[in-house]
Amino acid sequence: ERVYVLKEFHGMHVGRMLLEKAIELANS
């Protein structure tokens, strides 16, 4: 439903890490 990262941290793969967490949860 939500993946949000503070603007100053865009480009640091934070969104990717959060997305990977969601995929990990879905697989579990």
PDB file of all heavy atoms in Angstrom:
ATOM      1  N   GLU A   1       0.822  -1.214   0.000  1.00  0.00           N
ATOM      2  CA  GLU A   1       0.000   0.000   0.000  1.00  0.00           C
ATOM      3  C   GLU A   1       0.854   1.261   0.000  1.00  0.00           C
ATOM      4  O   GLU A   1       0.493   2.260  -0.604  1.00  0.00           O
ATOM      5  CB  GLU A   1      -0.955   0.009   1.198  1.00  0.00           C
ATOM      6  CG  GLU A   1      -1.913   1.165   1.140  1.00  0.00           C
ATOM      7  CD  GLU A   1      -2.953   1.167   2.244  1.00  0.00           C
ATOM      8  OE1 GLU A   1      -3.088   0.177   2.976  1.00  0.00           O
ATOM      9  OE2 GLU A   1      -3.641   2.197   2.378  1.00  0.00           O
ATOM     10  N   ARG A   2       1.986   1.209   0.701  1.00  0.00           N
ATOM     11  CA  ARG A   2       2.840   2.399   0.776  1.00  0.00           C
ATOM     12  C   ARG A   2       4.310   2.017   0.800  1.00  0.00           C
ATOM     13  O   ARG A   2       4.713   1.146   1.562  1.00  0.00           O
ATOM     14  CB  ARG A   2       2.532   3.204   2.044  1.00  0.00           C
ATOM     15  CG  ARG A   2       1.119   3.714   2.113  1.00  0.00           C
ATOM     16  CD  ARG A   2       0.864   4.501   3.390  1.00  0.00           C
ATOM     17  NE  ARG A   2      -0.574   4.576   3.593  1.00  0.00           N
ATOM     18  CZ  ARG A   2      -1.171   4.466   4.775  1.00  0.00           C
ATOM     19  NH1 ARG A   2      -0.469   4.310   5.865  1.00  0.00           N
ATOM     20  NH2 ARG A   2      -2.477   4.533   4.865  1.00  0.00           N
ATOM     21  N   VAL A   3       5.083   2.699  -0.031  1.00  0.00           N
ATOM     22  CA  VAL A   3       6.550   2.672   0.021  1.00  0.00           C
ATOM     23  C   VAL A   3       6.964   4.122  -0.122  1.00  0.00           C
ATOM     24  O   VAL A   3       6.777   4.720  -1.186  1.00  0.00           O
ATOM     25  CB  VAL A   3       7.177   1.851  -1.127  1.00  0.00           C
ATOM     26  CG1 VAL A   3       8.705   1.995  -1.108  1.00  0.00           C
ATOM     27  CG2 VAL A   3       6.798   0.397  -1.048  1.00  0.00           C
ATOM     28  N   TYR A   4       7.477   4.694   0.943  1.00  0.00           N
ATOM     29  CA  TYR A   4       7.888   6.094   0.913  1.00  0.00           C
ATOM     30  C   TYR A   4       9.260   6.248   1.539  1.00  0.00           C
ATOM     31  O   TYR A   4       9.563   5.624   2.556  1.00  0.00           O
ATOM     32  CB  TYR A   4       6.888   6.984   1.675  1.00  0.00           C
ATOM     33  CG  TYR A   4       5.587   7.160   0.942  1.00  0.00           C
ATOM     34  CD1 TYR A   4       4.451   6.456   1.322  1.00  0.00           C
ATOM     35  CD2 TYR A   4       5.486   8.032  -0.136  1.00  0.00           C
ATOM     36  CE1 TYR A   4       3.254   6.610   0.643  1.00  0.00           C
ATOM     37  CE2 TYR A   4       4.297   8.193  -0.822  1.00  0.00           C
ATOM     38  CZ  TYR A   4       3.185   7.481  -0.426  1.00  0.00           C
ATOM     39  OH  TYR A   4       2.007   7.637  -1.105  1.00  0.00           O
ATOM     40  N   VAL A   5      10.059   7.113   0.920  1.00  0.00           N
ATOM     41  CA  VAL A   5      11.417   7.394   1.386  1.00  0.00           C
ATOM     42  C   VAL A   5      11.600   8.900   1.397  1.00  0.00           C
ATOM     43  O   VAL A   5      11.168   9.591   0.458  1.00  0.00           O
ATOM     44  CB  VAL A   5      12.456   6.733   0.443  1.00  0.00           C
ATOM     45  CG1 VAL A   5      13.878   7.085   0.859  1.00  0.00           C
ATOM     46  CG2 VAL A   5      12.256   5.220   0.398  1.00  0.00           C
ATOM     47  N   LEU A   6      12.233   9.414   2.454  1.00  0.00           N
ATOM     48  CA  LEU A   6      12.541  10.841   2.500  1.00  0.00           C
ATOM     49  C   LEU A   6      13.327  11.238   1.253  1.00  0.00           C
ATOM     50  O   LEU A   6      14.232  10.517   0.818  1.00  0.00           O
ATOM     51  CB  LEU A   6      13.361  11.181   3.745  1.00  0.00           C
ATOM     52  CG  LEU A   6      12.631  11.087   5.083  1.00  0.00           C
ATOM     53  CD1 LEU A   6      13.626  11.224   6.240  1.00  0.00           C
ATOM     54  CD2 LEU A   6      11.531  12.131   5.189  1.00  0.00           C
ATOM     55  N   LYS A   7      12.970  12.370   0.695  1.00  0.00           N
ATOM     56  CA  LYS A   7      13.550  12.833  -0.574  1.00  0.00           C
ATOM     57  C   LYS A   7      15.081  12.860  -0.540  1.00  0.00           C
ATOM     58  O   LYS A   7      15.734  12.486  -1.513  1.00  0.00           O
ATOM     59  CB  LYS A   7      13.000  14.228  -0.893  1.00  0.00           C
ATOM     60  CG  LYS A   7      13.073  14.588  -2.340  1.00  0.00           C
ATOM     61  CD  LYS A   7      12.339  15.880  -2.608  1.00  0.00           C
ATOM     62  CE  LYS A   7      11.618  15.746  -3.935  1.00  0.00           C
ATOM     63  NZ  LYS A   7      10.680  16.812  -4.170  1.00  0.00           N
ATOM     64  N   GLU A   8      15.663  13.270   0.572  1.00  0.00           N
ATOM     65  CA  GLU A   8      17.121  13.376   0.641  1.00  0.00           C
ATOM     66  C   GLU A   8      17.824  12.025   0.548  1.00  0.00           C
ATOM     67  O   GLU A   8      19.037  11.959   0.319  1.00  0.00           O
ATOM     68  CB  GLU A   8      17.560  14.111   1.918  1.00  0.00           C
ATOM     69  CG  GLU A   8      17.267  13.351   3.201  1.00  0.00           C
ATOM     70  CD  GLU A   8      17.586  14.153   4.447  1.00  0.00           C
ATOM     71  OE1 GLU A   8      18.763  14.216   4.838  1.00  0.00           O
ATOM     72  OE2 GLU A   8      16.639  14.715   5.010  1.00  0.00           O
ATOM     73  N   PHE A   9      17.063  10.924   0.682  1.00  0.00           N
ATOM     74  CA  PHE A   9      17.641   9.591   0.598  1.00  0.00           C
ATOM     75  C   PHE A   9      17.264   8.861  -0.695  1.00  0.00           C
ATOM     76  O   PHE A   9      17.572   7.679  -0.848  1.00  0.00           O
ATOM     77  CB  PHE A   9      17.256   8.761   1.834  1.00  0.00           C
ATOM     78  CG  PHE A   9      17.836   9.325   3.091  1.00  0.00           C
ATOM     79  CD1 PHE A   9      17.072  10.146   3.908  1.00  0.00           C
ATOM     80  CD2 PHE A   9      19.151   9.084   3.453  1.00  0.00           C
ATOM     81  CE1 PHE A   9      17.598  10.699   5.069  1.00  0.00           C
ATOM     82  CE2 PHE A   9      19.696   9.629   4.599  1.00  0.00           C
ATOM     83  CZ  PHE A   9      18.922  10.443   5.412  1.00  0.00           C
ATOM     84  N   HIS A  10      16.597   9.562  -1.616  1.00  0.00           N
ATOM     85  CA  HIS A  10      16.298   8.960  -2.913  1.00  0.00           C
ATOM     86  C   HIS A  10      17.619   8.642  -3.618  1.00  0.00           C
ATOM     87  O   HIS A  10      18.596   9.362  -3.466  1.00  0.00           O
ATOM     88  CB  HIS A  10      15.465   9.903  -3.774  1.00  0.00           C
ATOM     89  CG  HIS A  10      14.037  10.003  -3.345  1.00  0.00           C
ATOM     90  ND1 HIS A  10      13.071  10.583  -4.125  1.00  0.00           N
ATOM     91  CD2 HIS A  10      13.398   9.571  -2.232  1.00  0.00           C
ATOM     92  CE1 HIS A  10      11.904  10.523  -3.506  1.00  0.00           C
ATOM     93  NE2 HIS A  10      12.080   9.924  -2.349  1.00  0.00           N
ATOM     94  N   GLY A  11      17.633   7.560  -4.363  1.00  0.00           N
ATOM     95  CA  GLY A  11      18.836   7.167  -5.087  1.00  0.00           C
ATOM     96  C   GLY A  11      19.804   6.347  -4.259  1.00  0.00           C
ATOM     97  O   GLY A  11      20.869   5.963  -4.747  1.00  0.00           O
ATOM     98  N   MET A  12      19.436   6.051  -3.008  1.00  0.00           N
ATOM     99  CA  MET A  12      20.316   5.275  -2.129  1.00  0.00           C
ATOM    100  C   MET A  12      19.808   3.845  -1.931  1.00  0.00           C
ATOM    101  O   MET A  12      20.195   3.171  -1.001  1.00  0.00           O
ATOM    102  CB  MET A  12      20.475   5.998  -0.783  1.00  0.00           C
ATOM    103  CG  MET A  12      21.127   7.364  -0.920  1.00  0.00           C
ATOM    104  SD  MET A  12      21.236   8.254   0.643  1.00  0.00           S
ATOM    105  CE  MET A  12      22.558   7.370   1.426  1.00  0.00           C
ATOM    106  N   HIS A  13      18.903   3.409  -2.795  1.00  0.00           N
ATOM    107  CA  HIS A  13      18.368   2.043  -2.803  1.00  0.00           C
ATOM    108  C   HIS A  13      17.493   1.703  -1.599  1.00  0.00           C
ATOM    109  O   HIS A  13      17.265   0.528  -1.315  1.00  0.00           O
ATOM    110  CB  HIS A  13      19.490   1.009  -2.959  1.00  0.00           C
ATOM    111  CG  HIS A  13      20.355   1.271  -4.147  1.00  0.00           C
ATOM    112  ND1 HIS A  13      19.924   1.110  -5.447  1.00  0.00           N
ATOM    113  CD2 HIS A  13      21.623   1.750  -4.238  1.00  0.00           C
ATOM    114  CE1 HIS A  13      20.887   1.443  -6.272  1.00  0.00           C
ATOM    115  NE2 HIS A  13      21.925   1.854  -5.578  1.00  0.00           N
ATOM    116  N   VAL A  14      16.992   2.715  -0.913  1.00  0.00           N
ATOM    117  CA  VAL A  14      16.107   2.483   0.234  1.00  0.00           C
ATOM    118  C   VAL A  14      14.781   1.901  -0.244  1.00  0.00           C
ATOM    119  O   VAL A  14      14.284   0.922   0.324  1.00  0.00           O
ATOM    120  CB  VAL A  14      15.870   3.789   1.030  1.00  0.00           C
ATOM    121  CG1 VAL A  14      14.969   3.535   2.236  1.00  0.00           C
ATOM    122  CG2 VAL A  14      17.191   4.408   1.458  1.00  0.00           C
ATOM    123  N   GLY A  15      14.219   2.485  -1.295  1.00  0.00           N
ATOM    124  CA  GLY A  15      12.970   1.969  -1.851  1.00  0.00           C
ATOM    125  C   GLY A  15      13.121   0.529  -2.296  1.00  0.00           C
ATOM    126  O   GLY A  15      12.224  -0.302  -2.071  1.00  0.00           O
ATOM    127  N   ARG A  16      14.244   0.207  -2.900  1.00  0.00           N
ATOM    128  CA  ARG A  16      14.516  -1.170  -3.342  1.00  0.00           C
ATOM    129  C   ARG A  16      14.543  -2.123  -2.153  1.00  0.00           C
ATOM    130  O   ARG A  16      13.998  -3.229  -2.213  1.00  0.00           O
ATOM    131  CB  ARG A  16      15.839  -1.200  -4.113  1.00  0.00           C
ATOM    132  CG  ARG A  16      16.296  -2.569  -4.504  1.00  0.00           C
ATOM    133  CD  ARG A  16      15.525  -3.102  -5.688  1.00  0.00           C
ATOM    134  NE  ARG A  16      15.992  -4.444  -5.959  1.00  0.00           N
ATOM    135  CZ  ARG A  16      15.237  -5.401  -6.433  1.00  0.00           C
ATOM    136  NH1 ARG A  16      13.993  -5.172  -6.762  1.00  0.00           N
ATOM    137  NH2 ARG A  16      15.729  -6.585  -6.646  1.00  0.00           N
ATOM    138  N   MET A  17      15.175  -1.703  -1.060  1.00  0.00           N
ATOM    139  CA  MET A  17      15.236  -2.552   0.136  1.00  0.00           C
ATOM    140  C   MET A  17      13.840  -2.774   0.725  1.00  0.00           C
ATOM    141  O   MET A  17      13.508  -3.879   1.158  1.00  0.00           O
ATOM    142  CB  MET A  17      16.182  -1.942   1.176  1.00  0.00           C
ATOM    143  CG  MET A  17      17.639  -2.019   0.772  1.00  0.00           C
ATOM    144  SD  MET A  17      18.728  -1.240   1.995  1.00  0.00           S
ATOM    145  CE  MET A  17      18.595  -2.414   3.342  1.00  0.00           C
ATOM    146  N   LEU A  18      13.023  -1.729   0.728  1.00  0.00           N
ATOM    147  CA  LEU A  18      11.660  -1.869   1.230  1.00  0.00           C
ATOM    148  C   LEU A  18      10.847  -2.787   0.319  1.00  0.00           C
ATOM    149  O   LEU A  18      10.067  -3.622   0.795  1.00  0.00           O
ATOM    150  CB  LEU A  18      10.998  -0.498   1.374  1.00  0.00           C
ATOM    151  CG  LEU A  18      11.565   0.381   2.488  1.00  0.00           C
ATOM    152  CD1 LEU A  18      11.088   1.818   2.333  1.00  0.00           C
ATOM    153  CD2 LEU A  18      11.194  -0.168   3.866  1.00  0.00           C
ATOM    154  N   LEU A  19      11.035  -2.652  -0.967  1.00  0.00           N
ATOM    155  CA  LEU A  19      10.359  -3.511  -1.941  1.00  0.00           C
ATOM    156  C   LEU A  19      10.787  -4.969  -1.737  1.00  0.00           C
ATOM    157  O   LEU A  19       9.952  -5.880  -1.749  1.00  0.00           O
ATOM    158  CB  LEU A  19      10.699  -3.037  -3.344  1.00  0.00           C
ATOM    159  CG  LEU A  19       9.895  -3.605  -4.489  1.00  0.00           C
ATOM    160  CD1 LEU A  19       8.411  -3.284  -4.331  1.00  0.00           C
ATOM    161  CD2 LEU A  19      10.410  -3.030  -5.805  1.00  0.00           C
ATOM    162  N   GLU A  20      12.069  -5.194  -1.541  1.00  0.00           N
ATOM    163  CA  GLU A  20      12.570  -6.551  -1.290  1.00  0.00           C
ATOM    164  C   GLU A  20      11.954  -7.141  -0.021  1.00  0.00           C
ATOM    165  O   GLU A  20      11.659  -8.333   0.032  1.00  0.00           O
ATOM    166  CB  GLU A  20      14.090  -6.551  -1.205  1.00  0.00           C
ATOM    167  CG  GLU A  20      14.757  -6.367  -2.549  1.00  0.00           C
ATOM    168  CD  GLU A  20      16.257  -6.147  -2.478  1.00  0.00           C
ATOM    169  OE1 GLU A  20      16.814  -6.062  -1.351  1.00  0.00           O
ATOM    170  OE2 GLU A  20      16.886  -6.040  -3.551  1.00  0.00           O
ATOM    171  N   LYS A  21      11.754  -6.304   1.002  1.00  0.00           N
ATOM    172  CA  LYS A  21      11.113  -6.775   2.230  1.00  0.00           C
ATOM    173  C   LYS A  21       9.683  -7.228   1.932  1.00  0.00           C
ATOM    174  O   LYS A  21       9.239  -8.277   2.424  1.00  0.00           O
ATOM    175  CB  LYS A  21      11.120  -5.667   3.294  1.00  0.00           C
ATOM    176  CG  LYS A  21      10.487  -6.074   4.602  1.00  0.00           C
ATOM    177  CD  LYS A  21      11.261  -7.208   5.249  1.00  0.00           C
ATOM    178  CE  LYS A  21      10.690  -7.592   6.587  1.00  0.00           C
ATOM    179  NZ  LYS A  21      11.420  -8.731   7.196  1.00  0.00           N
ATOM    180  N   ALA A  22       8.962  -6.456   1.141  1.00  0.00           N
ATOM    181  CA  ALA A  22       7.591  -6.831   0.789  1.00  0.00           C
ATOM    182  C   ALA A  22       7.565  -8.155   0.029  1.00  0.00           C
ATOM    183  O   ALA A  22       6.715  -9.019   0.295  1.00  0.00           O
ATOM    184  CB  ALA A  22       6.941  -5.722  -0.043  1.00  0.00           C
ATOM    185  N   ILE A  23       8.493  -8.334  -0.898  1.00  0.00           N
ATOM    186  CA  ILE A  23       8.554  -9.579  -1.668  1.00  0.00           C
ATOM    187  C   ILE A  23       8.903 -10.752  -0.758  1.00  0.00           C
ATOM    188  O   ILE A  23       8.329 -11.841  -0.874  1.00  0.00           O
ATOM    189  CB  ILE A  23       9.550  -9.428  -2.842  1.00  0.00           C
ATOM    190  CG1 ILE A  23       8.994  -8.407  -3.842  1.00  0.00           C
ATOM    191  CG2 ILE A  23       9.827 -10.771  -3.513  1.00  0.00           C
ATOM    192  CD1 ILE A  23       9.998  -7.927  -4.873  1.00  0.00           C
ATOM    193  N   GLU A  24       9.810 -10.525   0.176  1.00  0.00           N
ATOM    194  CA  GLU A  24      10.157 -11.555   1.163  1.00  0.00           C
ATOM    195  C   GLU A  24       8.916 -11.958   1.976  1.00  0.00           C
ATOM    196  O   GLU A  24       8.659 -13.141   2.188  1.00  0.00           O
ATOM    197  CB  GLU A  24      11.252 -11.009   2.092  1.00  0.00           C
ATOM    198  CG  GLU A  24      11.596 -11.888   3.263  1.00  0.00           C
ATOM    199  CD  GLU A  24      12.497 -11.159   4.268  1.00  0.00           C
ATOM    200  OE1 GLU A  24      13.446 -10.479   3.830  1.00  0.00           O
ATOM    201  OE2 GLU A  24      12.232 -11.262   5.477  1.00  0.00           O
ATOM    202  N   LEU A  25       8.148 -10.969   2.411  1.00  0.00           N
ATOM    203  CA  LEU A  25       6.921 -11.254   3.169  1.00  0.00           C
ATOM    204  C   LEU A  25       5.920 -12.015   2.314  1.00  0.00           C
ATOM    205  O   LEU A  25       5.283 -12.967   2.782  1.00  0.00           O
ATOM    206  CB  LEU A  25       6.298  -9.948   3.674  1.00  0.00           C
ATOM    207  CG  LEU A  25       7.087  -9.182   4.720  1.00  0.00           C
ATOM    208  CD1 LEU A  25       6.550  -7.762   4.874  1.00  0.00           C
ATOM    209  CD2 LEU A  25       7.067  -9.909   6.052  1.00  0.00           C
ATOM    210  N   ALA A  26       5.770 -11.605   1.058  1.00  0.00           N
ATOM    211  CA  ALA A  26       4.841 -12.292   0.150  1.00  0.00           C
ATOM    212  C   ALA A  26       5.261 -13.740  -0.055  1.00  0.00           C
ATOM    213  O   ALA A  26       4.423 -14.653  -0.016  1.00  0.00           O
ATOM    214  CB  ALA A  26       4.781 -11.556  -1.192  1.00  0.00           C
ATOM    215  N   ASN A  27       6.545 -13.967  -0.250  1.00  0.00           N
ATOM    216  CA  ASN A  27       7.035 -15.342  -0.419  1.00  0.00           C
ATOM    217  C   ASN A  27       6.818 -16.176   0.838  1.00  0.00           C
ATOM    218  O   ASN A  27       6.463 -17.347   0.743  1.00  0.00           O
ATOM    219  CB  ASN A  27       8.510 -15.338  -0.830  1.00  0.00           C
ATOM    220  CG  ASN A  27       8.701 -15.005  -2.288  1.00  0.00           C
ATOM    221  OD1 ASN A  27       7.902 -15.387  -3.137  1.00  0.00           O
ATOM    222  ND2 ASN A  27       9.766 -14.284  -2.597  1.00  0.00           N
ATOM    223  N   SER A  28       6.993 -15.574   2.005  1.00  0.00           N
ATOM    224  CA  SER A  28       6.782 -16.313   3.256  1.00  0.00           C
ATOM    225  C   SER A  28       5.312 -16.683   3.458  1.00  0.00           C
ATOM    226  O   SER A  28       4.997 -17.614   4.187  1.00  0.00           O
ATOM    227  CB  SER A  28       7.307 -15.521   4.456  1.00  0.00           C
ATOM    228  OG  SER A  28       6.446 -14.437   4.764  1.00  0.00           O
TER     229      SER A  28
END
